[in-house]
Amino acid sequence: QELRPKSLDIKQEELGDMVEKEMASTSEAIEDAVRRIEEMMSQARSESSGVKLEVNERILNSCTDLMKAIRLLVTTSTNLQKEIVESGRGAATTQEFYAKNSRWTEGLISASKAVGWGATQLVESADRVVLHTGKYEELIVCSHEIAASTAQLVAASKVKAEKSSRNLARLQECSRNVNEMAANVVASTKSGQEQIEEKDTMDFSGMSLIKLKKEEMETQVKVLELEKRLEGERVRLGELRKQHYVLAGGCDPDDEEARPAPAPRRGILKKPPIAQKP
């Protein structure tokens, strides 16, 4: 609901001003996001080390690349909108053009808001992940939302643009770049999550002797359970293979006389019998 423009409360002659205001607000939100990511990067370097620092740097670097791609997208979109207005308004003013195409203008405003909101949410999620108070899944969802809002912005711009427009071609290229950078954020987030979880699972530092002994016994129990399960699965596999042999046209698996004699293994000679003394 917040992303939808309040059309009923806005006069049509004010739509043009609102478009410029929202695009400027989106650009400002992205610039602020880039600054916040840089601050998080310096904070992570001072407060973390080892695997956690490596994971945080990888995630924040991918977020920075995504923000740069979004910034270029917004700039290109603004240039394309100016081109659309100049070529379509004729003798009318810019405000009159936006008022005449109010539905298109509202879609453009909504798409611009969605892009800025997605960038802000991504930075907040990244901040929580670095501070270990958030979930990695939040970053993944935010990346998907940014890709979706980018597609919305491109679609809204494409409606009024000329097919041969260079700015439209640039905007579509920027959109593909945003999608690629968003995919990189998802990939770095997933790999970082796996790396952190693996380290936490195998980190035994700080455990007392009693705690270590307890963990050792619990692990031995798990090993025995898995070995028993493995043995049962091997028996099941053998029975499945017998049934498969029967259904494939072989003999009855319970008929020992009908079974062919097993072929002797190559390279293994039978030991000759020992000669008896006379």
C-alpha atoms as a PDB file:
ATOM      1  CA  GLN A   1       0.000   0.000   0.000  1.00  0.00           C
ATOM      2  CA  GLU A   2       2.863   2.386   0.724  1.00  0.00           C
ATOM      3  CA  LEU A   3       4.319   1.797  -2.735  1.00  0.00           C
ATOM      4  CA  ARG A   4       1.079   2.725  -4.470  1.00  0.00           C
ATOM      5  CA  PRO A   5       0.821   6.436  -5.350  1.00  0.00           C
ATOM      6  CA  LYS A   6      -2.015   8.267  -3.624  1.00  0.00           C
ATOM      7  CA  SER A   7      -3.678   9.230  -6.905  1.00  0.00           C
ATOM      8  CA  LEU A   8      -6.898  10.459  -5.345  1.00  0.00           C
ATOM      9  CA  ASP A   9      -5.043  12.916  -3.123  1.00  0.00           C
ATOM     10  CA  ILE A  10      -2.831  14.298  -5.908  1.00  0.00           C
ATOM     11  CA  LYS A  11      -3.936  16.668  -8.609  1.00  0.00           C
ATOM     12  CA  GLN A  12      -2.998  15.654 -12.115  1.00  0.00           C
ATOM     13  CA  GLU A  13      -0.907  18.769 -12.621  1.00  0.00           C
ATOM     14  CA  GLU A  14       1.222  17.697  -9.650  1.00  0.00           C
ATOM     15  CA  LEU A  15       2.096  14.282 -11.105  1.00  0.00           C
ATOM     16  CA  GLY A  16       5.067  15.632 -13.055  1.00  0.00           C
ATOM     17  CA  ASP A  17       6.585  17.147  -9.944  1.00  0.00           C
ATOM     18  CA  MET A  18       6.010  13.880  -8.099  1.00  0.00           C
ATOM     19  CA  VAL A  19       7.841  11.852 -10.772  1.00  0.00           C
ATOM     20  CA  GLU A  20      10.916  14.035 -10.483  1.00  0.00           C
ATOM     21  CA  LYS A  21      10.639  13.988  -6.699  1.00  0.00           C
ATOM     22  CA  GLU A  22      10.414  10.197  -6.521  1.00  0.00           C
ATOM     23  CA  MET A  23      13.321   9.653  -8.922  1.00  0.00           C
ATOM     24  CA  ALA A  24      15.448  12.078  -6.904  1.00  0.00           C
ATOM     25  CA  SER A  25      14.377  10.335  -3.695  1.00  0.00           C
ATOM     26  CA  THR A  26      15.306   6.953  -5.171  1.00  0.00           C
ATOM     27  CA  SER A  27      18.741   8.225  -6.207  1.00  0.00           C
ATOM     28  CA  GLU A  28      19.271   9.661  -2.736  1.00  0.00           C
ATOM     29  CA  ALA A  29      18.241   6.369  -1.099  1.00  0.00           C
ATOM     30  CA  ILE A  30      20.739   4.459  -3.243  1.00  0.00           C
ATOM     31  CA  GLU A  31      23.562   6.894  -2.469  1.00  0.00           C
ATOM     32  CA  ASP A  32      22.772   6.537   1.223  1.00  0.00           C
ATOM     33  CA  ALA A  33      22.763   2.741   0.837  1.00  0.00           C
ATOM     34  CA  VAL A  34      26.240   2.813  -0.715  1.00  0.00           C
ATOM     35  CA  ARG A  35      27.551   4.944   2.174  1.00  0.00           C
ATOM     36  CA  ARG A  36      26.023   2.628   4.759  1.00  0.00           C
ATOM     37  CA  ILE A  37      27.554  -0.440   3.130  1.00  0.00           C
ATOM     38  CA  GLU A  38      30.991   1.226   3.217  1.00  0.00           C
ATOM     39  CA  GLU A  39      30.503   1.942   6.930  1.00  0.00           C
ATOM     40  CA  MET A  40      29.474  -1.667   7.549  1.00  0.00           C
ATOM     41  CA  MET A  41      32.544  -2.854   5.691  1.00  0.00           C
ATOM     42  CA  SER A  42      34.912  -0.861   7.896  1.00  0.00           C
ATOM     43  CA  GLN A  43      33.029  -1.964  11.023  1.00  0.00           C
ATOM     44  CA  ALA A  44      33.204  -5.631   9.977  1.00  0.00           C
ATOM     45  CA  ARG A  45      36.957  -5.378   9.431  1.00  0.00           C
ATOM     46  CA  SER A  46      37.475  -3.977  12.915  1.00  0.00           C
ATOM     47  CA  GLU A  47      35.108  -6.299  14.803  1.00  0.00           C
ATOM     48  CA  SER A  48      35.446  -9.649  13.025  1.00  0.00           C
ATOM     49  CA  SER A  49      38.203 -11.846  11.674  1.00  0.00           C
ATOM     50  CA  GLY A  50      38.858 -15.168   9.978  1.00  0.00           C
ATOM     51  CA  VAL A  51      35.959 -16.905   8.266  1.00  0.00           C
ATOM     52  CA  LYS A  52      33.335 -14.429   9.472  1.00  0.00           C
ATOM     53  CA  LEU A  53      35.295 -11.484   8.099  1.00  0.00           C
ATOM     54  CA  GLU A  54      35.745 -13.276   4.777  1.00  0.00           C
ATOM     55  CA  VAL A  55      32.014 -14.027   4.545  1.00  0.00           C
ATOM     56  CA  ASN A  56      30.987 -10.488   5.540  1.00  0.00           C
ATOM     57  CA  GLU A  57      33.341  -8.905   3.014  1.00  0.00           C
ATOM     58  CA  ARG A  58      32.086 -11.167   0.236  1.00  0.00           C
ATOM     59  CA  ILE A  59      28.440 -10.371   0.988  1.00  0.00           C
ATOM     60  CA  LEU A  60      28.993  -6.632   1.387  1.00  0.00           C
ATOM     61  CA  ASN A  61      31.077  -6.443  -1.801  1.00  0.00           C
ATOM     62  CA  SER A  62      28.278  -8.120  -3.748  1.00  0.00           C
ATOM     63  CA  CYS A  63      25.774  -5.692  -2.181  1.00  0.00           C
ATOM     64  CA  THR A  64      27.989  -2.752  -3.207  1.00  0.00           C
ATOM     65  CA  ASP A  65      28.123  -4.004  -6.804  1.00  0.00           C
ATOM     66  CA  LEU A  66      24.329  -4.332  -6.786  1.00  0.00           C
ATOM     67  CA  MET A  67      23.881  -0.774  -5.491  1.00  0.00           C
ATOM     68  CA  LYS A  68      26.171   0.580  -8.215  1.00  0.00           C
ATOM     69  CA  ALA A  69      24.156  -1.302 -10.830  1.00  0.00           C
ATOM     70  CA  ILE A  70      20.903   0.120  -9.428  1.00  0.00           C
ATOM     71  CA  ARG A  71      22.351   3.637  -9.388  1.00  0.00           C
ATOM     72  CA  LEU A  72      23.232   3.362 -13.073  1.00  0.00           C
ATOM     73  CA  LEU A  73      19.777   1.948 -13.777  1.00  0.00           C
ATOM     74  CA  VAL A  74      18.027   4.907 -12.123  1.00  0.00           C
ATOM     75  CA  THR A  75      20.212   7.421 -13.971  1.00  0.00           C
ATOM     76  CA  THR A  76      19.499   5.746 -17.311  1.00  0.00           C
ATOM     77  CA  SER A  77      15.789   5.551 -16.505  1.00  0.00           C
ATOM     78  CA  THR A  78      15.722   9.283 -15.743  1.00  0.00           C
ATOM     79  CA  ASN A  79      17.363  10.066 -19.080  1.00  0.00           C
ATOM     80  CA  LEU A  80      14.878   7.848 -20.901  1.00  0.00           C
ATOM     81  CA  GLN A  81      11.934   9.540 -19.191  1.00  0.00           C
ATOM     82  CA  LYS A  82      13.195  12.954 -20.290  1.00  0.00           C
ATOM     83  CA  GLU A  83      13.498  11.625 -23.833  1.00  0.00           C
ATOM     84  CA  ILE A  84       9.955  10.209 -23.702  1.00  0.00           C
ATOM     85  CA  VAL A  85       8.507  13.490 -22.457  1.00  0.00           C
ATOM     86  CA  GLU A  86      10.398  15.592 -25.011  1.00  0.00           C
ATOM     87  CA  SER A  87       9.321  13.413 -27.936  1.00  0.00           C
ATOM     88  CA  GLY A  88       5.712  12.951 -26.837  1.00  0.00           C
ATOM     89  CA  ARG A  89       4.555  16.192 -25.315  1.00  0.00           C
ATOM     90  CA  GLY A  90       4.551  18.273 -28.536  1.00  0.00           C
ATOM     91  CA  ALA A  91       3.426  21.791 -27.715  1.00  0.00           C
ATOM     92  CA  ALA A  92       2.274  20.757 -24.243  1.00  0.00           C
ATOM     93  CA  THR A  93       4.298  21.329 -21.106  1.00  0.00           C
ATOM     94  CA  THR A  94       5.967  18.569 -19.145  1.00  0.00           C
ATOM     95  CA  GLN A  95       3.290  18.802 -16.465  1.00  0.00           C
ATOM     96  CA  GLU A  96       0.535  18.502 -19.060  1.00  0.00           C
ATOM     97  CA  PHE A  97       2.188  15.443 -20.595  1.00  0.00           C
ATOM     98  CA  TYR A  98       2.340  13.669 -17.245  1.00  0.00           C
ATOM     99  CA  ALA A  99      -1.254  14.676 -16.488  1.00  0.00           C
ATOM    100  CA  LYS A 100      -2.447  13.426 -19.871  1.00  0.00           C
ATOM    101  CA  ASN A 101      -0.702  10.075 -19.285  1.00  0.00           C
ATOM    102  CA  SER A 102      -1.613   9.823 -15.618  1.00  0.00           C
ATOM    103  CA  ARG A 103      -1.916   6.005 -15.505  1.00  0.00           C
ATOM    104  CA  TRP A 104       1.547   5.570 -17.033  1.00  0.00           C
ATOM    105  CA  THR A 105       2.936   8.225 -14.692  1.00  0.00           C
ATOM    106  CA  GLU A 106       1.503   6.478 -11.645  1.00  0.00           C
ATOM    107  CA  GLY A 107       3.084   3.191 -12.754  1.00  0.00           C
ATOM    108  CA  LEU A 108       6.423   4.953 -13.154  1.00  0.00           C
ATOM    109  CA  ILE A 109       6.176   6.450  -9.667  1.00  0.00           C
ATOM    110  CA  SER A 110       5.261   3.102  -8.148  1.00  0.00           C
ATOM    111  CA  ALA A 111       8.177   1.350  -9.884  1.00  0.00           C
ATOM    112  CA  SER A 112      10.637   4.027  -8.769  1.00  0.00           C
ATOM    113  CA  LYS A 113       9.433   3.750  -5.172  1.00  0.00           C
ATOM    114  CA  ALA A 114       9.780  -0.037  -5.296  1.00  0.00           C
ATOM    115  CA  VAL A 115      13.404   0.196  -6.453  1.00  0.00           C
ATOM    116  CA  GLY A 116      14.350   2.657  -3.712  1.00  0.00           C
ATOM    117  CA  TRP A 117      12.503   0.668  -1.056  1.00  0.00           C
ATOM    118  CA  GLY A 118      14.188  -2.577  -2.157  1.00  0.00           C
ATOM    119  CA  ALA A 119      17.638  -0.980  -1.940  1.00  0.00           C
ATOM    120  CA  THR A 120      16.930   0.313   1.566  1.00  0.00           C
ATOM    121  CA  GLN A 121      15.640  -3.062   2.748  1.00  0.00           C
ATOM    122  CA  LEU A 122      18.687  -4.822   1.291  1.00  0.00           C
ATOM    123  CA  VAL A 123      21.064  -2.603   3.257  1.00  0.00           C
ATOM    124  CA  GLU A 124      19.123  -3.083   6.493  1.00  0.00           C
ATOM    125  CA  SER A 125      19.131  -6.859   5.998  1.00  0.00           C
ATOM    126  CA  ALA A 126      22.866  -6.835   5.262  1.00  0.00           C
ATOM    127  CA  ASP A 127      23.464  -4.800   8.417  1.00  0.00           C
ATOM    128  CA  ARG A 128      21.580  -7.361  10.529  1.00  0.00           C
ATOM    129  CA  VAL A 129      23.446 -10.256   8.913  1.00  0.00           C
ATOM    130  CA  VAL A 130      26.833  -8.668   9.617  1.00  0.00           C
ATOM    131  CA  LEU A 131      25.810  -8.049  13.234  1.00  0.00           C
ATOM    132  CA  HIS A 132      24.496 -11.654  13.471  1.00  0.00           C
ATOM    133  CA  THR A 133      21.017 -10.439  14.426  1.00  0.00           C
ATOM    134  CA  GLY A 134      19.332 -11.200  11.104  1.00  0.00           C
ATOM    135  CA  LYS A 135      18.775 -14.085   8.737  1.00  0.00           C
ATOM    136  CA  TYR A 136      20.612 -14.811   5.516  1.00  0.00           C
ATOM    137  CA  GLU A 137      17.262 -15.571   3.903  1.00  0.00           C
ATOM    138  CA  GLU A 138      16.292 -11.895   4.271  1.00  0.00           C
ATOM    139  CA  LEU A 139      19.113 -10.890   1.932  1.00  0.00           C
ATOM    140  CA  ILE A 140      18.015 -13.469  -0.617  1.00  0.00           C
ATOM    141  CA  VAL A 141      14.403 -12.261  -0.540  1.00  0.00           C
ATOM    142  CA  CYS A 142      15.493  -8.610  -0.854  1.00  0.00           C
ATOM    143  CA  SER A 143      17.614  -9.484  -3.896  1.00  0.00           C
ATOM    144  CA  HIS A 144      14.611 -11.128  -5.555  1.00  0.00           C
ATOM    145  CA  GLU A 145      12.474  -8.073  -4.748  1.00  0.00           C
ATOM    146  CA  ILE A 146      15.024  -5.727  -6.314  1.00  0.00           C
ATOM    147  CA  ALA A 147      15.104  -7.821  -9.491  1.00  0.00           C
ATOM    148  CA  ALA A 148      11.293  -7.726  -9.633  1.00  0.00           C
ATOM    149  CA  SER A 149      11.043  -3.962  -9.059  1.00  0.00           C
ATOM    150  CA  THR A 150      13.740  -3.397 -11.697  1.00  0.00           C
ATOM    151  CA  ALA A 151      11.675  -5.336 -14.215  1.00  0.00           C
ATOM    152  CA  GLN A 152       8.675  -3.210 -13.229  1.00  0.00           C
ATOM    153  CA  LEU A 153      10.616   0.022 -13.827  1.00  0.00           C
ATOM    154  CA  VAL A 154      11.869  -1.164 -17.231  1.00  0.00           C
ATOM    155  CA  ALA A 155       8.370  -2.252 -18.255  1.00  0.00           C
ATOM    156  CA  ALA A 156       6.895   1.111 -17.228  1.00  0.00           C
ATOM    157  CA  SER A 157       9.550   2.993 -19.205  1.00  0.00           C
ATOM    158  CA  LYS A 158       9.291   0.718 -22.229  1.00  0.00           C
ATOM    159  CA  VAL A 159       5.575   1.464 -22.726  1.00  0.00           C
ATOM    160  CA  LYS A 160       6.168   5.008 -23.992  1.00  0.00           C
ATOM    161  CA  ALA A 161       9.713   4.689 -25.366  1.00  0.00           C
ATOM    162  CA  GLU A 162      10.613   4.341 -29.032  1.00  0.00           C
ATOM    163  CA  LYS A 163      11.870   0.882 -29.939  1.00  0.00           C
ATOM    164  CA  SER A 164      14.972   2.382 -31.558  1.00  0.00           C
ATOM    165  CA  SER A 165      15.815   4.509 -28.520  1.00  0.00           C
ATOM    166  CA  ARG A 166      19.419   4.198 -27.371  1.00  0.00           C
ATOM    167  CA  ASN A 167      18.423   5.057 -23.824  1.00  0.00           C
ATOM    168  CA  LEU A 168      15.929   2.180 -23.853  1.00  0.00           C
ATOM    169  CA  ALA A 169      18.653  -0.216 -25.005  1.00  0.00           C
ATOM    170  CA  ARG A 170      20.918   1.102 -22.232  1.00  0.00           C
ATOM    171  CA  LEU A 171      18.119   0.706 -19.689  1.00  0.00           C
ATOM    172  CA  GLN A 172      17.543  -2.911 -20.715  1.00  0.00           C
ATOM    173  CA  GLU A 173      21.275  -3.584 -20.441  1.00  0.00           C
ATOM    174  CA  CYS A 174      21.296  -1.972 -16.980  1.00  0.00           C
ATOM    175  CA  SER A 175      18.356  -4.175 -16.003  1.00  0.00           C
ATOM    176  CA  ARG A 176      20.248  -7.322 -17.032  1.00  0.00           C
ATOM    177  CA  ASN A 177      23.251  -6.112 -15.049  1.00  0.00           C
ATOM    178  CA  VAL A 178      21.076  -5.538 -11.958  1.00  0.00           C
ATOM    179  CA  ASN A 179      19.675  -9.062 -12.261  1.00  0.00           C
ATOM    180  CA  GLU A 180      23.195 -10.472 -12.548  1.00  0.00           C
ATOM    181  CA  MET A 181      24.401  -8.534  -9.495  1.00  0.00           C
ATOM    182  CA  ALA A 182      21.305  -9.610  -7.530  1.00  0.00           C
ATOM    183  CA  ALA A 183      22.093 -13.230  -8.410  1.00  0.00           C
ATOM    184  CA  ASN A 184      25.645 -12.664  -7.136  1.00  0.00           C
ATOM    185  CA  VAL A 185      24.259 -11.421  -3.812  1.00  0.00           C
ATOM    186  CA  VAL A 186      22.137 -14.574  -3.535  1.00  0.00           C
ATOM    187  CA  ALA A 187      25.112 -16.810  -4.393  1.00  0.00           C
ATOM    188  CA  SER A 188      27.505 -15.099  -1.963  1.00  0.00           C
ATOM    189  CA  THR A 189      24.854 -15.188   0.767  1.00  0.00           C
ATOM    190  CA  LYS A 190      24.184 -18.907   0.357  1.00  0.00           C
ATOM    191  CA  SER A 191      27.871 -19.848   0.233  1.00  0.00           C
ATOM    192  CA  GLY A 192      28.608 -17.629   3.239  1.00  0.00           C
ATOM    193  CA  GLN A 193      25.772 -19.180   5.211  1.00  0.00           C
ATOM    194  CA  GLU A 194      27.066 -22.685   4.503  1.00  0.00           C
ATOM    195  CA  GLN A 195      30.604 -21.652   5.427  1.00  0.00           C
ATOM    196  CA  ILE A 196      29.553 -20.074   8.733  1.00  0.00           C
ATOM    197  CA  GLU A 197      27.286 -22.983   9.689  1.00  0.00           C
ATOM    198  CA  GLU A 198      30.054 -25.488   8.933  1.00  0.00           C
ATOM    199  CA  LYS A 199      32.543 -23.530  11.046  1.00  0.00           C
ATOM    200  CA  ASP A 200      30.104 -23.233  13.953  1.00  0.00           C
ATOM    201  CA  THR A 201      29.432 -26.971  13.822  1.00  0.00           C
ATOM    202  CA  MET A 202      33.131 -27.913  13.954  1.00  0.00           C
ATOM    203  CA  ASP A 203      34.270 -25.226  16.386  1.00  0.00           C
ATOM    204  CA  PHE A 204      35.129 -26.946  19.700  1.00  0.00           C
ATOM    205  CA  SER A 205      37.129 -24.125  21.213  1.00  0.00           C
ATOM    206  CA  GLY A 206      35.941 -22.982  24.604  1.00  0.00           C
ATOM    207  CA  MET A 207      34.453 -26.371  25.550  1.00  0.00           C
ATOM    208  CA  SER A 208      35.272 -27.831  28.945  1.00  0.00           C
ATOM    209  CA  LEU A 209      36.553 -31.386  29.389  1.00  0.00           C
ATOM    210  CA  ILE A 210      33.121 -32.597  30.587  1.00  0.00           C
ATOM    211  CA  LYS A 211      31.387 -30.913  27.653  1.00  0.00           C
ATOM    212  CA  LEU A 212      33.823 -32.435  25.173  1.00  0.00           C
ATOM    213  CA  LYS A 213      33.330 -35.903  26.683  1.00  0.00           C
ATOM    214  CA  LYS A 214      29.558 -35.524  26.485  1.00  0.00           C
ATOM    215  CA  GLU A 215      29.733 -34.392  22.846  1.00  0.00           C
ATOM    216  CA  GLU A 216      32.033 -37.326  22.093  1.00  0.00           C
ATOM    217  CA  MET A 217      29.584 -39.851  23.575  1.00  0.00           C
ATOM    218  CA  GLU A 218      26.626 -38.312  21.731  1.00  0.00           C
ATOM    219  CA  THR A 219      28.569 -38.475  18.483  1.00  0.00           C
ATOM    220  CA  GLN A 220      29.436 -42.143  19.108  1.00  0.00           C
ATOM    221  CA  VAL A 221      25.733 -42.882  19.592  1.00  0.00           C
ATOM    222  CA  LYS A 222      24.934 -41.161  16.298  1.00  0.00           C
ATOM    223  CA  VAL A 223      27.680 -43.154  14.541  1.00  0.00           C
ATOM    224  CA  LEU A 224      26.251 -46.458  15.842  1.00  0.00           C
ATOM    225  CA  GLU A 225      22.753 -45.443  14.780  1.00  0.00           C
ATOM    226  CA  LEU A 226      23.954 -44.545  11.300  1.00  0.00           C
ATOM    227  CA  GLU A 227      25.923 -47.794  11.000  1.00  0.00           C
ATOM    228  CA  LYS A 228      22.822 -49.805  11.958  1.00  0.00           C
ATOM    229  CA  ARG A 229      20.753 -47.865   9.470  1.00  0.00           C
ATOM    230  CA  LEU A 230      23.377 -48.407   6.787  1.00  0.00           C
ATOM    231  CA  GLU A 231      23.361 -52.148   7.440  1.00  0.00           C
ATOM    232  CA  GLY A 232      19.571 -52.232   7.147  1.00  0.00           C
ATOM    233  CA  GLU A 233      19.684 -50.272   3.878  1.00  0.00           C
ATOM    234  CA  ARG A 234      22.250 -52.711   2.464  1.00  0.00           C
ATOM    235  CA  VAL A 235      19.946 -55.633   3.292  1.00  0.00           C
ATOM    236  CA  ARG A 236      17.073 -53.766   1.647  1.00  0.00           C
ATOM    237  CA  LEU A 237      19.219 -53.131  -1.429  1.00  0.00           C
ATOM    238  CA  GLY A 238      20.031 -56.826  -1.671  1.00  0.00           C
ATOM    239  CA  GLU A 239      16.335 -57.774  -1.499  1.00  0.00           C
ATOM    240  CA  LEU A 240      15.483 -55.166  -4.115  1.00  0.00           C
ATOM    241  CA  ARG A 241      18.142 -56.579  -6.444  1.00  0.00           C
ATOM    242  CA  LYS A 242      16.758 -60.114  -5.947  1.00  0.00           C
ATOM    243  CA  GLN A 243      13.268 -58.962  -6.835  1.00  0.00           C
ATOM    244  CA  HIS A 244      14.607 -57.050  -9.800  1.00  0.00           C
ATOM    245  CA  TYR A 245      16.333 -60.225 -11.009  1.00  0.00           C
ATOM    246  CA  VAL A 246      13.058 -62.180 -10.739  1.00  0.00           C
ATOM    247  CA  LEU A 247      10.992 -59.551 -12.576  1.00  0.00           C
ATOM    248  CA  ALA A 248      13.631 -59.257 -15.280  1.00  0.00           C
ATOM    249  CA  GLY A 249      13.078 -62.926 -16.203  1.00  0.00           C
ATOM    250  CA  GLY A 250      15.546 -64.664 -13.953  1.00  0.00           C
ATOM    251  CA  CYS A 251      14.929 -67.668 -11.757  1.00  0.00           C
ATOM    252  CA  ASP A 252      13.332 -67.812  -8.358  1.00  0.00           C
ATOM    253  CA  PRO A 253      15.749 -66.188  -5.899  1.00  0.00           C
ATOM    254  CA  ASP A 254      14.845 -68.880  -3.304  1.00  0.00           C
ATOM    255  CA  ASP A 255      15.643 -71.735  -5.709  1.00  0.00           C
ATOM    256  CA  GLU A 256      19.244 -72.495  -4.863  1.00  0.00           C
ATOM    257  CA  GLU A 257      19.539 -75.309  -7.478  1.00  0.00           C
ATOM    258  CA  ALA A 258      18.448 -73.047 -10.309  1.00  0.00           C
ATOM    259  CA  ARG A 259      20.988 -70.385  -9.488  1.00  0.00           C
ATOM    260  CA  PRO A 260      24.021 -70.317 -11.742  1.00  0.00           C
ATOM    261  CA  ALA A 261      27.320 -71.025 -10.090  1.00  0.00           C
ATOM    262  CA  PRO A 262      29.253 -67.882  -9.354  1.00  0.00           C
ATOM    263  CA  ALA A 263      32.041 -67.229 -11.800  1.00  0.00           C
ATOM    264  CA  PRO A 264      35.516 -67.541 -10.315  1.00  0.00           C
ATOM    265  CA  ARG A 265      37.354 -64.295  -9.798  1.00  0.00           C
ATOM    266  CA  ARG A 266      40.236 -63.631 -12.083  1.00  0.00           C
ATOM    267  CA  GLY A 267      43.663 -63.495 -10.599  1.00  0.00           C
ATOM    268  CA  ILE A 268      42.728 -65.642  -7.595  1.00  0.00           C
ATOM    269  CA  LEU A 269      43.909 -69.253  -7.744  1.00  0.00           C
ATOM    270  CA  LYS A 270      42.521 -71.949  -5.513  1.00  0.00           C
ATOM    271  CA  LYS A 271      45.027 -73.274  -2.987  1.00  0.00           C
ATOM    272  CA  PRO A 272      46.036 -76.843  -3.890  1.00  0.00           C
ATOM    273  CA  PRO A 273      45.300 -79.553  -1.302  1.00  0.00           C
ATOM    274  CA  ILE A 274      48.134 -80.582   0.973  1.00  0.00           C
ATOM    275  CA  ALA A 275      49.620 -83.992   0.068  1.00  0.00           C
ATOM    276  CA  GLN A 276      48.935 -86.677   2.668  1.00  0.00           C
ATOM    277  CA  LYS A 277      51.822 -88.585   4.146  1.00  0.00           C
ATOM    278  CA  PRO A 278      51.824 -92.348   3.303  1.00  0.00           C
END
